[in-house]
Amino acid sequence: MSWLWHRRYGHLNFPSLKKLAGRGMVTGLPETLIVPRKVCEGCLVGKQPRNAFKKHMHVRTKGLVQVVYFDVCGPFEQMSLGQNKYFVTFIDEYSRMIWLYLIKAKSEVFSVFERFKLMTKNQSEKMVQILRTDEGKEYLSNEFEAYCSENGVLHEVTTPYTPQHNGMVERRNKMILNMAISMTKQKKLPHSLWGEAISTVVYLLNKCPTLKLENKVPEEV
């Protein structure tokens, strides 16, 4: 009888079933329900959660731009003033520095990475060693993979449907968007200024403290 009512109630947990019956919260439910010792196979398959991901990943880098996280955000319904629909972010694991690029289409992703790699090489005299992205098609083209191979860049691709594996840049993108929305809404600015807003946010975040840096901001590091 207990299993029957468990299934009738859409696999509701047994303590809740007993509470319904014992307190007379519904009519027709027998008060003699007991909690079985066995586990419901349907619940085991349907309710089993994924193992929790670690909140903080182990830092693998000891220098600038050795490990870089890379992501594309968009498309946005309204174009920016520069007719862009996406933005690209690069985050250095060591310094937590963010670099932002506004683009019109995902086809520009490869050229943006080339520009970023050249800029960091010229400015810091250091090479990108590891690049981590999700499994987006814009990162998996033959041209992109060949370029990484020729330049000695290890391209790490996260497991499908696990944005937690690229959590550093995912969290930063969410923060960038939240701050930009707050700024534009508070001043009642038009949506077309989202490009200028997120550019301002990134400028500010590079001058803000982070948990991984002690008494320094990303830009200083």
N, C-alpha and C. Protein backbone atom coordinates (compact mmCIF):
# COMPACT_ATOMS: atom_id res chain seq x y z
N MET A 1 0.82 -1.20 0.00
CA MET A 1 0.00 0.00 0.00
C MET A 1 0.87 1.27 0.00
N SER A 2 1.95 1.25 0.77
CA SER A 2 2.83 2.42 0.84
C SER A 2 3.45 2.72 -0.53
N TRP A 3 3.91 1.69 -1.22
CA TRP A 3 4.51 1.90 -2.55
C TRP A 3 3.47 2.42 -3.53
N LEU A 4 2.23 1.91 -3.41
CA LEU A 4 1.17 2.34 -4.32
C LEU A 4 0.92 3.85 -4.18
N TRP A 5 0.81 4.33 -2.94
CA TRP A 5 0.56 5.76 -2.74
C TRP A 5 1.80 6.60 -3.06
N HIS A 6 2.95 6.03 -2.86
CA HIS A 6 4.19 6.71 -3.25
C HIS A 6 4.18 7.01 -4.74
N ARG A 7 3.76 6.03 -5.54
CA ARG A 7 3.70 6.21 -7.00
C ARG A 7 2.54 7.13 -7.39
N ARG A 8 1.40 6.98 -6.71
CA ARG A 8 0.25 7.83 -7.03
C ARG A 8 0.56 9.32 -6.78
N TYR A 9 1.41 9.58 -5.80
CA TYR A 9 1.76 10.97 -5.48
C TYR A 9 3.02 11.42 -6.23
N GLY A 10 3.29 10.77 -7.37
CA GLY A 10 4.41 11.21 -8.20
C GLY A 10 5.76 11.00 -7.53
N HIS A 11 5.89 9.89 -6.76
CA HIS A 11 7.13 9.54 -6.07
C HIS A 11 7.48 10.56 -4.99
N LEU A 12 6.46 11.06 -4.29
CA LEU A 12 6.68 11.95 -3.16
C LEU A 12 7.38 11.18 -2.04
N ASN A 13 8.26 11.85 -1.30
CA ASN A 13 9.00 11.17 -0.22
C ASN A 13 8.03 10.68 0.85
N PHE A 14 8.43 9.59 1.53
CA PHE A 14 7.54 8.92 2.48
C PHE A 14 7.25 9.76 3.74
N PRO A 15 8.21 10.51 4.28
CA PRO A 15 7.86 11.36 5.44
C PRO A 15 6.74 12.34 5.12
N SER A 16 6.71 12.86 3.91
CA SER A 16 5.65 13.79 3.53
C SER A 16 4.32 13.06 3.38
N LEU A 17 4.38 11.83 2.85
CA LEU A 17 3.16 11.04 2.74
C LEU A 17 2.56 10.75 4.11
N LYS A 18 3.43 10.36 5.07
CA LYS A 18 2.95 10.08 6.42
C LYS A 18 2.39 11.34 7.08
N LYS A 19 3.00 12.48 6.77
CA LYS A 19 2.51 13.74 7.33
C LYS A 19 1.11 14.06 6.79
N LEU A 20 0.90 13.82 5.49
CA LEU A 20 -0.41 14.05 4.89
C LEU A 20 -1.48 13.19 5.55
N ALA A 21 -1.10 11.90 5.74
CA ALA A 21 -2.08 10.97 6.30
C ALA A 21 -2.29 11.20 7.80
N GLY A 22 -1.19 11.36 8.54
CA GLY A 22 -1.28 11.47 10.00
C GLY A 22 -1.99 12.72 10.46
N ARG A 23 -1.85 13.82 9.73
CA ARG A 23 -2.46 15.08 10.14
C ARG A 23 -3.79 15.35 9.43
N GLY A 24 -4.24 14.37 8.67
CA GLY A 24 -5.52 14.52 7.99
C GLY A 24 -5.55 15.69 7.01
N MET A 25 -4.44 15.92 6.33
CA MET A 25 -4.36 17.07 5.42
C MET A 25 -5.08 16.79 4.10
N VAL A 26 -5.30 15.49 3.79
CA VAL A 26 -6.08 15.09 2.60
C VAL A 26 -7.02 13.97 3.01
N THR A 27 -8.03 13.75 2.21
CA THR A 27 -8.97 12.67 2.50
C THR A 27 -8.68 11.47 1.61
N GLY A 28 -8.90 10.28 2.15
CA GLY A 28 -8.75 9.04 1.39
C GLY A 28 -7.38 8.41 1.50
N LEU A 29 -6.43 9.06 2.14
CA LEU A 29 -5.08 8.51 2.28
C LEU A 29 -5.01 7.70 3.57
N PRO A 30 -4.69 6.40 3.52
CA PRO A 30 -4.68 5.57 4.73
C PRO A 30 -3.60 6.01 5.72
N GLU A 31 -3.91 5.93 7.01
CA GLU A 31 -2.99 6.35 8.05
C GLU A 31 -1.97 5.27 8.39
N THR A 32 -2.09 4.12 7.78
CA THR A 32 -1.22 2.98 8.13
C THR A 32 0.02 2.91 7.24
N LEU A 33 0.32 3.97 6.51
CA LEU A 33 1.49 3.96 5.63
C LEU A 33 2.77 3.84 6.45
N ILE A 34 3.69 3.04 5.96
CA ILE A 34 4.99 2.88 6.62
C ILE A 34 6.09 3.25 5.64
N VAL A 35 7.26 3.58 6.18
CA VAL A 35 8.40 3.93 5.35
C VAL A 35 9.17 2.65 5.02
N PRO A 36 9.21 2.23 3.75
CA PRO A 36 9.91 0.99 3.40
C PRO A 36 11.42 1.13 3.59
N ARG A 37 12.07 -0.01 3.79
CA ARG A 37 13.52 0.00 3.92
C ARG A 37 14.21 0.07 2.56
N LYS A 38 13.55 -0.47 1.55
CA LYS A 38 14.14 -0.48 0.22
C LYS A 38 14.07 0.92 -0.41
N VAL A 39 14.94 1.15 -1.37
CA VAL A 39 14.96 2.42 -2.09
C VAL A 39 14.19 2.26 -3.39
N CYS A 40 13.36 3.22 -3.72
CA CYS A 40 12.58 3.18 -4.96
C CYS A 40 13.51 3.34 -6.15
N GLU A 41 13.46 2.39 -7.09
CA GLU A 41 14.35 2.44 -8.25
C GLU A 41 14.04 3.65 -9.13
N GLY A 42 12.75 4.01 -9.23
CA GLY A 42 12.38 5.18 -10.02
C GLY A 42 12.97 6.45 -9.44
N CYS A 43 12.94 6.59 -8.11
CA CYS A 43 13.51 7.76 -7.44
C CYS A 43 15.03 7.78 -7.60
N LEU A 44 15.63 6.59 -7.54
CA LEU A 44 17.08 6.50 -7.66
C LEU A 44 17.56 7.02 -9.00
N VAL A 45 16.80 6.70 -10.05
CA VAL A 45 17.18 7.14 -11.40
C VAL A 45 16.79 8.60 -11.64
N GLY A 46 15.57 8.96 -11.21
CA GLY A 46 15.05 10.28 -11.55
C GLY A 46 15.51 11.41 -10.66
N LYS A 47 15.88 11.10 -9.40
CA LYS A 47 16.21 12.16 -8.45
C LYS A 47 17.69 12.22 -8.09
N GLN A 48 18.47 11.29 -8.62
CA GLN A 48 19.88 11.24 -8.23
C GLN A 48 20.62 12.48 -8.73
N PRO A 49 21.22 13.24 -7.84
CA PRO A 49 21.92 14.46 -8.28
C PRO A 49 23.34 14.17 -8.73
N ARG A 50 23.89 15.09 -9.46
CA ARG A 50 25.30 15.01 -9.85
C ARG A 50 26.18 15.35 -8.65
N ASN A 51 27.34 14.73 -8.57
CA ASN A 51 28.27 15.06 -7.50
C ASN A 51 28.60 16.54 -7.55
N ALA A 52 28.74 17.13 -6.39
CA ALA A 52 29.01 18.57 -6.31
C ALA A 52 30.39 18.89 -6.90
N PHE A 53 30.47 20.01 -7.60
CA PHE A 53 31.74 20.48 -8.12
C PHE A 53 32.45 21.30 -7.04
N LYS A 54 33.76 21.28 -7.09
CA LYS A 54 34.53 22.08 -6.15
C LYS A 54 34.30 23.55 -6.43
N LYS A 55 34.14 24.32 -5.35
CA LYS A 55 33.89 25.76 -5.51
C LYS A 55 35.12 26.48 -6.00
N HIS A 56 36.28 26.01 -5.59
CA HIS A 56 37.52 26.68 -5.96
C HIS A 56 38.47 25.67 -6.61
N MET A 57 38.85 25.94 -7.83
CA MET A 57 39.76 25.06 -8.54
C MET A 57 41.19 25.28 -8.08
N HIS A 58 41.98 24.23 -8.16
CA HIS A 58 43.39 24.33 -7.82
C HIS A 58 44.10 25.23 -8.84
N VAL A 59 44.85 26.19 -8.34
CA VAL A 59 45.57 27.11 -9.22
C VAL A 59 46.77 26.38 -9.81
N ARG A 60 46.85 26.34 -11.13
CA ARG A 60 47.91 25.60 -11.80
C ARG A 60 49.03 26.49 -12.32
N THR A 61 48.87 27.79 -12.23
CA THR A 61 49.81 28.70 -12.85
C THR A 61 50.65 29.44 -11.82
N LYS A 62 51.87 29.76 -12.19
CA LYS A 62 52.77 30.51 -11.33
C LYS A 62 53.24 31.80 -12.01
N GLY A 63 52.62 32.13 -13.13
CA GLY A 63 53.00 33.32 -13.85
C GLY A 63 51.89 33.82 -14.74
N LEU A 64 52.10 34.99 -15.31
CA LEU A 64 51.09 35.65 -16.13
C LEU A 64 50.79 34.86 -17.41
N VAL A 65 49.54 34.86 -17.81
CA VAL A 65 48.97 34.28 -19.04
C VAL A 65 49.43 32.86 -19.33
N GLN A 66 49.83 32.12 -18.31
CA GLN A 66 50.14 30.71 -18.53
C GLN A 66 48.86 29.91 -18.76
N VAL A 67 47.83 30.21 -17.96
CA VAL A 67 46.52 29.56 -18.11
C VAL A 67 45.48 30.66 -18.31
N VAL A 68 44.77 30.60 -19.43
CA VAL A 68 43.79 31.63 -19.78
C VAL A 68 42.44 30.98 -20.03
N TYR A 69 41.39 31.56 -19.44
CA TYR A 69 40.02 31.09 -19.64
C TYR A 69 39.35 32.01 -20.67
N PHE A 70 38.57 31.40 -21.55
CA PHE A 70 38.09 32.09 -22.75
C PHE A 70 36.63 31.74 -22.96
N ASP A 71 35.78 32.75 -23.20
CA ASP A 71 34.36 32.46 -23.42
C ASP A 71 33.72 33.55 -24.26
N VAL A 72 32.62 33.19 -24.93
CA VAL A 72 31.82 34.12 -25.73
C VAL A 72 30.45 34.23 -25.09
N CYS A 73 29.94 35.43 -24.97
CA CYS A 73 28.62 35.65 -24.39
C CYS A 73 27.73 36.36 -25.40
N GLY A 74 26.52 35.88 -25.58
CA GLY A 74 25.58 36.45 -26.54
C GLY A 74 24.87 35.34 -27.30
N PRO A 75 24.06 35.70 -28.32
CA PRO A 75 23.85 37.04 -28.87
C PRO A 75 22.85 37.85 -28.05
N PHE A 76 22.99 39.15 -28.09
CA PHE A 76 22.05 40.05 -27.46
C PHE A 76 20.98 40.46 -28.47
N GLU A 77 19.77 40.62 -27.98
CA GLU A 77 18.65 40.94 -28.87
C GLU A 77 18.86 42.27 -29.57
N GLN A 78 19.41 43.23 -28.86
CA GLN A 78 19.65 44.55 -29.45
C GLN A 78 21.15 44.75 -29.66
N MET A 79 21.50 45.23 -30.83
CA MET A 79 22.90 45.50 -31.12
C MET A 79 23.41 46.68 -30.31
N SER A 80 24.71 46.68 -30.06
CA SER A 80 25.32 47.81 -29.38
C SER A 80 25.47 48.98 -30.36
N LEU A 81 25.97 50.10 -29.87
CA LEU A 81 26.17 51.25 -30.76
C LEU A 81 27.14 50.93 -31.89
N GLY A 82 28.05 50.00 -31.62
CA GLY A 82 29.00 49.58 -32.66
C GLY A 82 28.51 48.43 -33.50
N GLN A 83 27.20 48.12 -33.41
CA GLN A 83 26.57 47.03 -34.18
C GLN A 83 27.11 45.65 -33.79
N ASN A 84 27.49 45.50 -32.53
CA ASN A 84 27.98 44.21 -32.03
C ASN A 84 26.85 43.45 -31.34
N LYS A 85 26.93 42.10 -31.39
CA LYS A 85 25.92 41.26 -30.76
C LYS A 85 26.50 40.31 -29.71
N TYR A 86 27.82 40.25 -29.61
CA TYR A 86 28.49 39.36 -28.67
C TYR A 86 29.63 40.10 -27.97
N PHE A 87 30.08 39.53 -26.85
CA PHE A 87 31.35 39.98 -26.30
C PHE A 87 32.18 38.76 -25.91
N VAL A 88 33.47 38.91 -26.02
CA VAL A 88 34.42 37.84 -25.73
C VAL A 88 35.25 38.25 -24.51
N THR A 89 35.42 37.33 -23.57
CA THR A 89 36.24 37.62 -22.40
C THR A 89 37.37 36.60 -22.28
N PHE A 90 38.55 37.11 -21.94
CA PHE A 90 39.71 36.31 -21.59
C PHE A 90 40.05 36.64 -20.14
N ILE A 91 40.30 35.61 -19.33
CA ILE A 91 40.67 35.83 -17.94
C ILE A 91 41.95 35.06 -17.63
N ASP A 92 42.93 35.77 -17.11
CA ASP A 92 44.20 35.17 -16.72
C ASP A 92 44.05 34.56 -15.32
N GLU A 93 44.34 33.27 -15.21
CA GLU A 93 44.18 32.59 -13.93
C GLU A 93 45.07 33.17 -12.84
N TYR A 94 46.25 33.61 -13.20
CA TYR A 94 47.23 34.10 -12.22
C TYR A 94 46.85 35.47 -11.66
N SER A 95 46.54 36.40 -12.52
CA SER A 95 46.27 37.78 -12.10
C SER A 95 44.79 38.10 -11.98
N ARG A 96 43.93 37.25 -12.55
CA ARG A 96 42.49 37.49 -12.63
C ARG A 96 42.15 38.70 -13.50
N MET A 97 43.09 39.12 -14.31
CA MET A 97 42.87 40.23 -15.24
C MET A 97 41.88 39.80 -16.32
N ILE A 98 40.98 40.71 -16.71
CA ILE A 98 39.97 40.43 -17.73
C ILE A 98 40.26 41.29 -18.95
N TRP A 99 40.19 40.68 -20.13
CA TRP A 99 40.27 41.40 -21.40
C TRP A 99 38.96 41.20 -22.14
N LEU A 100 38.41 42.26 -22.66
CA LEU A 100 37.10 42.23 -23.30
C LEU A 100 37.19 42.65 -24.76
N TYR A 101 36.47 41.93 -25.62
CA TYR A 101 36.38 42.28 -27.04
C TYR A 101 34.91 42.20 -27.45
N LEU A 102 34.42 43.22 -28.13
CA LEU A 102 33.07 43.22 -28.67
C LEU A 102 33.14 42.76 -30.12
N ILE A 103 32.26 41.83 -30.50
CA ILE A 103 32.28 41.29 -31.86
C ILE A 103 30.87 41.25 -32.43
N LYS A 104 30.82 41.22 -33.76
CA LYS A 104 29.52 41.19 -34.46
C LYS A 104 29.01 39.78 -34.67
N ALA A 105 29.92 38.81 -34.82
CA ALA A 105 29.52 37.43 -35.09
C ALA A 105 30.55 36.48 -34.51
N LYS A 106 30.13 35.24 -34.29
CA LYS A 106 31.05 34.24 -33.72
C LYS A 106 32.19 33.89 -34.67
N SER A 107 32.01 34.19 -35.95
CA SER A 107 33.08 33.93 -36.91
C SER A 107 34.32 34.76 -36.62
N GLU A 108 34.21 35.79 -35.79
CA GLU A 108 35.34 36.64 -35.44
C GLU A 108 36.15 36.10 -34.26
N VAL A 109 35.69 35.02 -33.65
CA VAL A 109 36.32 34.51 -32.43
C VAL A 109 37.79 34.16 -32.66
N PHE A 110 38.08 33.49 -33.75
CA PHE A 110 39.46 33.07 -34.00
C PHE A 110 40.39 34.27 -34.16
N SER A 111 39.97 35.28 -34.93
CA SER A 111 40.81 36.46 -35.13
C SER A 111 40.99 37.23 -33.83
N VAL A 112 39.97 37.21 -32.95
CA VAL A 112 40.09 37.87 -31.65
C VAL A 112 41.14 37.16 -30.80
N PHE A 113 41.15 35.83 -30.84
CA PHE A 113 42.16 35.09 -30.08
C PHE A 113 43.56 35.39 -30.60
N GLU A 114 43.72 35.50 -31.90
CA GLU A 114 45.01 35.85 -32.47
C GLU A 114 45.47 37.21 -31.96
N ARG A 115 44.57 38.18 -31.95
CA ARG A 115 44.89 39.52 -31.47
C ARG A 115 45.27 39.50 -29.99
N PHE A 116 44.50 38.73 -29.21
CA PHE A 116 44.78 38.64 -27.77
C PHE A 116 46.14 38.02 -27.53
N LYS A 117 46.44 36.94 -28.22
CA LYS A 117 47.71 36.25 -28.02
C LYS A 117 48.89 37.15 -28.40
N LEU A 118 48.76 37.89 -29.50
CA LEU A 118 49.82 38.80 -29.92
C LEU A 118 49.99 39.93 -28.93
N MET A 119 48.89 40.47 -28.44
CA MET A 119 48.95 41.57 -27.48
C MET A 119 49.64 41.16 -26.19
N THR A 120 49.25 39.99 -25.63
CA THR A 120 49.86 39.55 -24.37
C THR A 120 51.33 39.22 -24.55
N LYS A 121 51.70 38.70 -25.72
CA LYS A 121 53.11 38.40 -25.98
C LYS A 121 53.94 39.68 -26.04
N ASN A 122 53.41 40.69 -26.71
CA ASN A 122 54.14 41.95 -26.84
C ASN A 122 54.20 42.72 -25.52
N GLN A 123 53.12 42.66 -24.74
CA GLN A 123 53.05 43.45 -23.51
C GLN A 123 53.78 42.79 -22.34
N SER A 124 53.76 41.48 -22.27
CA SER A 124 54.36 40.79 -21.12
C SER A 124 55.56 39.93 -21.47
N GLU A 125 55.82 39.75 -22.78
CA GLU A 125 56.89 38.88 -23.25
C GLU A 125 56.69 37.45 -22.75
N LYS A 126 55.42 37.07 -22.56
CA LYS A 126 55.08 35.72 -22.13
C LYS A 126 54.06 35.13 -23.09
N MET A 127 54.05 33.81 -23.19
CA MET A 127 53.19 33.11 -24.13
C MET A 127 52.04 32.42 -23.41
N VAL A 128 50.87 32.42 -24.04
CA VAL A 128 49.75 31.63 -23.53
C VAL A 128 50.11 30.16 -23.65
N GLN A 129 50.04 29.44 -22.54
CA GLN A 129 50.40 28.02 -22.55
C GLN A 129 49.18 27.11 -22.58
N ILE A 130 48.18 27.45 -21.78
CA ILE A 130 46.96 26.64 -21.72
C ILE A 130 45.76 27.54 -21.94
N LEU A 131 44.88 27.14 -22.84
CA LEU A 131 43.66 27.87 -23.13
C LEU A 131 42.47 26.97 -22.82
N ARG A 132 41.58 27.41 -21.95
CA ARG A 132 40.43 26.59 -21.59
C ARG A 132 39.15 27.23 -22.11
N THR A 133 38.36 26.44 -22.85
CA THR A 133 37.09 26.88 -23.40
C THR A 133 36.04 25.80 -23.19
N ASP A 134 34.79 26.14 -23.49
CA ASP A 134 33.76 25.10 -23.52
C ASP A 134 33.80 24.43 -24.90
N GLU A 135 32.77 23.61 -25.20
CA GLU A 135 32.79 22.83 -26.44
C GLU A 135 32.11 23.55 -27.60
N GLY A 136 32.02 24.87 -27.54
CA GLY A 136 31.40 25.63 -28.62
C GLY A 136 32.10 25.42 -29.96
N LYS A 137 31.32 25.38 -31.03
CA LYS A 137 31.88 25.12 -32.36
C LYS A 137 32.90 26.17 -32.78
N GLU A 138 32.73 27.39 -32.26
CA GLU A 138 33.67 28.45 -32.65
C GLU A 138 35.09 28.19 -32.15
N TYR A 139 35.23 27.30 -31.14
CA TYR A 139 36.56 26.98 -30.61
C TYR A 139 37.13 25.69 -31.21
N LEU A 140 36.30 24.95 -31.92
CA LEU A 140 36.71 23.61 -32.35
C LEU A 140 36.95 23.50 -33.85
N SER A 141 37.05 24.62 -34.53
CA SER A 141 37.31 24.58 -35.97
C SER A 141 38.72 24.06 -36.24
N ASN A 142 38.92 23.53 -37.44
CA ASN A 142 40.25 23.04 -37.82
C ASN A 142 41.28 24.16 -37.78
N GLU A 143 40.85 25.36 -38.17
CA GLU A 143 41.76 26.51 -38.18
C GLU A 143 42.22 26.84 -36.76
N PHE A 144 41.28 26.83 -35.83
CA PHE A 144 41.59 27.16 -34.44
C PHE A 144 42.53 26.12 -33.85
N GLU A 145 42.20 24.85 -34.04
CA GLU A 145 43.02 23.77 -33.49
C GLU A 145 44.41 23.75 -34.10
N ALA A 146 44.50 24.00 -35.39
CA ALA A 146 45.81 24.02 -36.05
C ALA A 146 46.66 25.17 -35.52
N TYR A 147 46.04 26.31 -35.30
CA TYR A 147 46.78 27.47 -34.78
C TYR A 147 47.32 27.18 -33.38
N CYS A 148 46.51 26.57 -32.53
CA CYS A 148 46.96 26.23 -31.18
C CYS A 148 48.11 25.23 -31.23
N SER A 149 47.99 24.25 -32.11
CA SER A 149 49.04 23.24 -32.23
C SER A 149 50.35 23.85 -32.73
N GLU A 150 50.27 24.71 -33.73
CA GLU A 150 51.47 25.33 -34.30
C GLU A 150 52.17 26.25 -33.31
N ASN A 151 51.39 26.85 -32.39
CA ASN A 151 51.95 27.81 -31.44
C ASN A 151 52.17 27.22 -30.05
N GLY A 152 52.02 25.91 -29.93
CA GLY A 152 52.30 25.25 -28.67
C GLY A 152 51.32 25.57 -27.56
N VAL A 153 50.08 25.89 -27.93
CA VAL A 153 49.05 26.21 -26.94
C VAL A 153 48.22 24.95 -26.68
N LEU A 154 48.17 24.52 -25.43
CA LEU A 154 47.34 23.38 -25.06
C LEU A 154 45.90 23.84 -24.92
N HIS A 155 45.02 23.34 -25.78
CA HIS A 155 43.62 23.75 -25.78
C HIS A 155 42.81 22.74 -24.98
N GLU A 156 42.35 23.16 -23.81
CA GLU A 156 41.51 22.31 -22.97
C GLU A 156 40.04 22.61 -23.24
N VAL A 157 39.28 21.57 -23.56
CA VAL A 157 37.84 21.72 -23.84
C VAL A 157 37.07 21.05 -22.72
N THR A 158 36.14 21.77 -22.11
CA THR A 158 35.38 21.22 -21.00
C THR A 158 34.39 20.16 -21.46
N THR A 159 33.94 19.33 -20.53
CA THR A 159 32.95 18.31 -20.80
C THR A 159 31.62 18.97 -21.15
N PRO A 160 30.88 18.43 -22.14
CA PRO A 160 29.59 19.01 -22.49
C PRO A 160 28.65 19.13 -21.30
N TYR A 161 27.88 20.21 -21.28
CA TYR A 161 26.86 20.47 -20.26
C TYR A 161 27.44 20.61 -18.85
N THR A 162 28.70 21.01 -18.76
CA THR A 162 29.30 21.25 -17.44
C THR A 162 29.99 22.61 -17.45
N PRO A 163 29.22 23.70 -17.42
CA PRO A 163 29.83 25.03 -17.39
C PRO A 163 30.68 25.25 -16.15
N GLN A 164 30.51 24.39 -15.12
CA GLN A 164 31.32 24.51 -13.90
C GLN A 164 32.80 24.32 -14.20
N HIS A 165 33.12 23.53 -15.25
CA HIS A 165 34.52 23.30 -15.59
C HIS A 165 35.19 24.55 -16.15
N ASN A 166 34.40 25.49 -16.59
CA ASN A 166 34.94 26.77 -17.06
C ASN A 166 34.38 27.88 -16.17
N GLY A 167 34.26 27.54 -14.87
CA GLY A 167 33.54 28.38 -13.95
C GLY A 167 34.10 29.77 -13.75
N MET A 168 35.43 29.91 -13.85
CA MET A 168 36.01 31.22 -13.60
C MET A 168 35.47 32.27 -14.56
N VAL A 169 35.45 31.96 -15.84
CA VAL A 169 34.97 32.93 -16.82
C VAL A 169 33.45 32.99 -16.83
N GLU A 170 32.77 31.88 -16.53
CA GLU A 170 31.30 31.89 -16.48
C GLU A 170 30.81 32.81 -15.36
N ARG A 171 31.45 32.71 -14.20
CA ARG A 171 31.05 33.57 -13.08
C ARG A 171 31.35 35.04 -13.38
N ARG A 172 32.49 35.30 -14.00
CA ARG A 172 32.85 36.67 -14.34
C ARG A 172 31.87 37.26 -15.34
N ASN A 173 31.49 36.47 -16.33
CA ASN A 173 30.52 36.97 -17.31
C ASN A 173 29.19 37.32 -16.65
N LYS A 174 28.76 36.48 -15.72
CA LYS A 174 27.52 36.76 -15.00
C LYS A 174 27.65 38.05 -14.19
N MET A 175 28.79 38.22 -13.55
CA MET A 175 29.02 39.44 -12.77
C MET A 175 29.04 40.66 -13.67
N ILE A 176 29.69 40.54 -14.82
CA ILE A 176 29.76 41.66 -15.77
C ILE A 176 28.35 42.07 -16.20
N LEU A 177 27.52 41.09 -16.56
CA LEU A 177 26.17 41.38 -17.01
C LEU A 177 25.32 41.99 -15.89
N ASN A 178 25.44 41.43 -14.69
CA ASN A 178 24.65 41.95 -13.57
C ASN A 178 25.01 43.41 -13.26
N MET A 179 26.29 43.71 -13.27
CA MET A 179 26.72 45.07 -13.00
C MET A 179 26.29 46.02 -14.10
N ALA A 180 26.41 45.57 -15.36
CA ALA A 180 26.02 46.42 -16.48
C ALA A 180 24.53 46.72 -16.46
N ILE A 181 23.72 45.70 -16.15
CA ILE A 181 22.27 45.90 -16.07
C ILE A 181 21.94 46.87 -14.95
N SER A 182 22.60 46.71 -13.80
CA SER A 182 22.34 47.60 -12.67
C SER A 182 22.66 49.05 -13.04
N MET A 183 23.78 49.25 -13.74
CA MET A 183 24.18 50.61 -14.11
C MET A 183 23.18 51.24 -15.08
N THR A 184 22.81 50.49 -16.12
CA THR A 184 21.94 51.05 -17.14
C THR A 184 20.51 51.24 -16.63
N LYS A 185 20.03 50.30 -15.80
CA LYS A 185 18.67 50.43 -15.26
C LYS A 185 18.57 51.60 -14.29
N GLN A 186 19.60 51.76 -13.46
CA GLN A 186 19.54 52.82 -12.46
C GLN A 186 19.50 54.20 -13.10
N LYS A 187 20.18 54.35 -14.24
CA LYS A 187 20.21 55.63 -14.95
C LYS A 187 19.22 55.67 -16.11
N LYS A 188 18.43 54.58 -16.27
CA LYS A 188 17.42 54.50 -17.32
C LYS A 188 18.01 54.78 -18.71
N LEU A 189 19.12 54.11 -18.98
CA LEU A 189 19.79 54.26 -20.27
C LEU A 189 19.23 53.26 -21.28
N PRO A 190 19.31 53.54 -22.56
CA PRO A 190 18.80 52.60 -23.57
C PRO A 190 19.64 51.33 -23.64
N HIS A 191 19.01 50.23 -24.08
CA HIS A 191 19.70 48.93 -24.16
C HIS A 191 20.86 48.96 -25.16
N SER A 192 20.81 49.87 -26.11
CA SER A 192 21.87 49.92 -27.11
C SER A 192 23.22 50.31 -26.51
N LEU A 193 23.24 50.75 -25.26
CA LEU A 193 24.49 51.13 -24.60
C LEU A 193 25.13 49.97 -23.83
N TRP A 194 24.64 48.73 -24.07
CA TRP A 194 25.18 47.61 -23.31
C TRP A 194 26.67 47.41 -23.57
N GLY A 195 27.14 47.71 -24.78
CA GLY A 195 28.56 47.55 -25.09
C GLY A 195 29.42 48.49 -24.26
N GLU A 196 28.99 49.74 -24.16
CA GLU A 196 29.72 50.72 -23.36
C GLU A 196 29.65 50.35 -21.88
N ALA A 197 28.49 49.83 -21.45
CA ALA A 197 28.31 49.47 -20.04
C ALA A 197 29.24 48.34 -19.63
N ILE A 198 29.30 47.27 -20.42
CA ILE A 198 30.15 46.14 -20.03
C ILE A 198 31.63 46.49 -20.16
N SER A 199 31.98 47.37 -21.08
CA SER A 199 33.36 47.82 -21.19
C SER A 199 33.76 48.58 -19.92
N THR A 200 32.84 49.39 -19.41
CA THR A 200 33.09 50.13 -18.17
C THR A 200 33.20 49.17 -16.99
N VAL A 201 32.34 48.15 -16.95
CA VAL A 201 32.37 47.17 -15.87
C VAL A 201 33.71 46.45 -15.83
N VAL A 202 34.19 46.00 -16.98
CA VAL A 202 35.47 45.28 -17.03
C VAL A 202 36.61 46.19 -16.58
N TYR A 203 36.57 47.45 -16.99
CA TYR A 203 37.57 48.43 -16.55
C TYR A 203 37.57 48.53 -15.03
N LEU A 204 36.37 48.52 -14.43
CA LEU A 204 36.27 48.63 -12.98
C LEU A 204 36.69 47.34 -12.27
N LEU A 205 36.28 46.18 -12.80
CA LEU A 205 36.62 44.90 -12.16
C LEU A 205 38.13 44.68 -12.12
N ASN A 206 38.83 45.17 -13.12
CA ASN A 206 40.29 45.03 -13.13
C ASN A 206 40.95 45.89 -12.05
N LYS A 207 40.17 46.77 -11.44
CA LYS A 207 40.67 47.61 -10.36
C LYS A 207 39.99 47.26 -9.03
N CYS A 208 39.34 46.10 -8.98
CA CYS A 208 38.63 45.68 -7.77
C CYS A 208 39.33 44.47 -7.14
N PRO A 209 39.20 44.31 -5.82
CA PRO A 209 39.83 43.15 -5.16
C PRO A 209 39.14 41.84 -5.52
N THR A 210 39.88 40.76 -5.47
CA THR A 210 39.33 39.42 -5.68
C THR A 210 39.81 38.51 -4.55
N LEU A 211 39.13 37.37 -4.38
CA LEU A 211 39.46 36.48 -3.28
C LEU A 211 40.87 35.89 -3.40
N LYS A 212 41.35 35.68 -4.62
CA LYS A 212 42.63 35.01 -4.83
C LYS A 212 43.83 35.95 -4.70
N LEU A 213 43.61 37.24 -4.72
CA LEU A 213 44.72 38.20 -4.65
C LEU A 213 44.70 38.90 -3.29
N GLU A 214 45.84 38.98 -2.65
CA GLU A 214 45.94 39.62 -1.35
C GLU A 214 46.50 41.02 -1.51
N ASN A 215 45.71 42.01 -1.13
CA ASN A 215 46.14 43.41 -1.10
C ASN A 215 46.58 43.94 -2.46
N LYS A 216 46.10 43.32 -3.52
CA LYS A 216 46.39 43.79 -4.87
C LYS A 216 45.15 43.64 -5.74
N VAL A 217 45.09 44.40 -6.79
CA VAL A 217 44.01 44.27 -7.76
C VAL A 217 44.59 43.66 -9.04
N PRO A 218 43.76 43.05 -9.89
CA PRO A 218 44.27 42.38 -11.09
C PRO A 218 45.18 43.26 -11.94
N GLU A 219 44.80 44.50 -12.15
CA GLU A 219 45.60 45.36 -13.02
C GLU A 219 47.02 45.56 -12.49
N GLU A 220 47.16 45.65 -11.17
CA GLU A 220 48.49 45.82 -10.57
C GLU A 220 49.35 44.57 -10.78
N VAL A 221 48.72 43.40 -10.58
CA VAL A 221 49.46 42.15 -10.78
C VAL A 221 49.89 41.99 -12.22
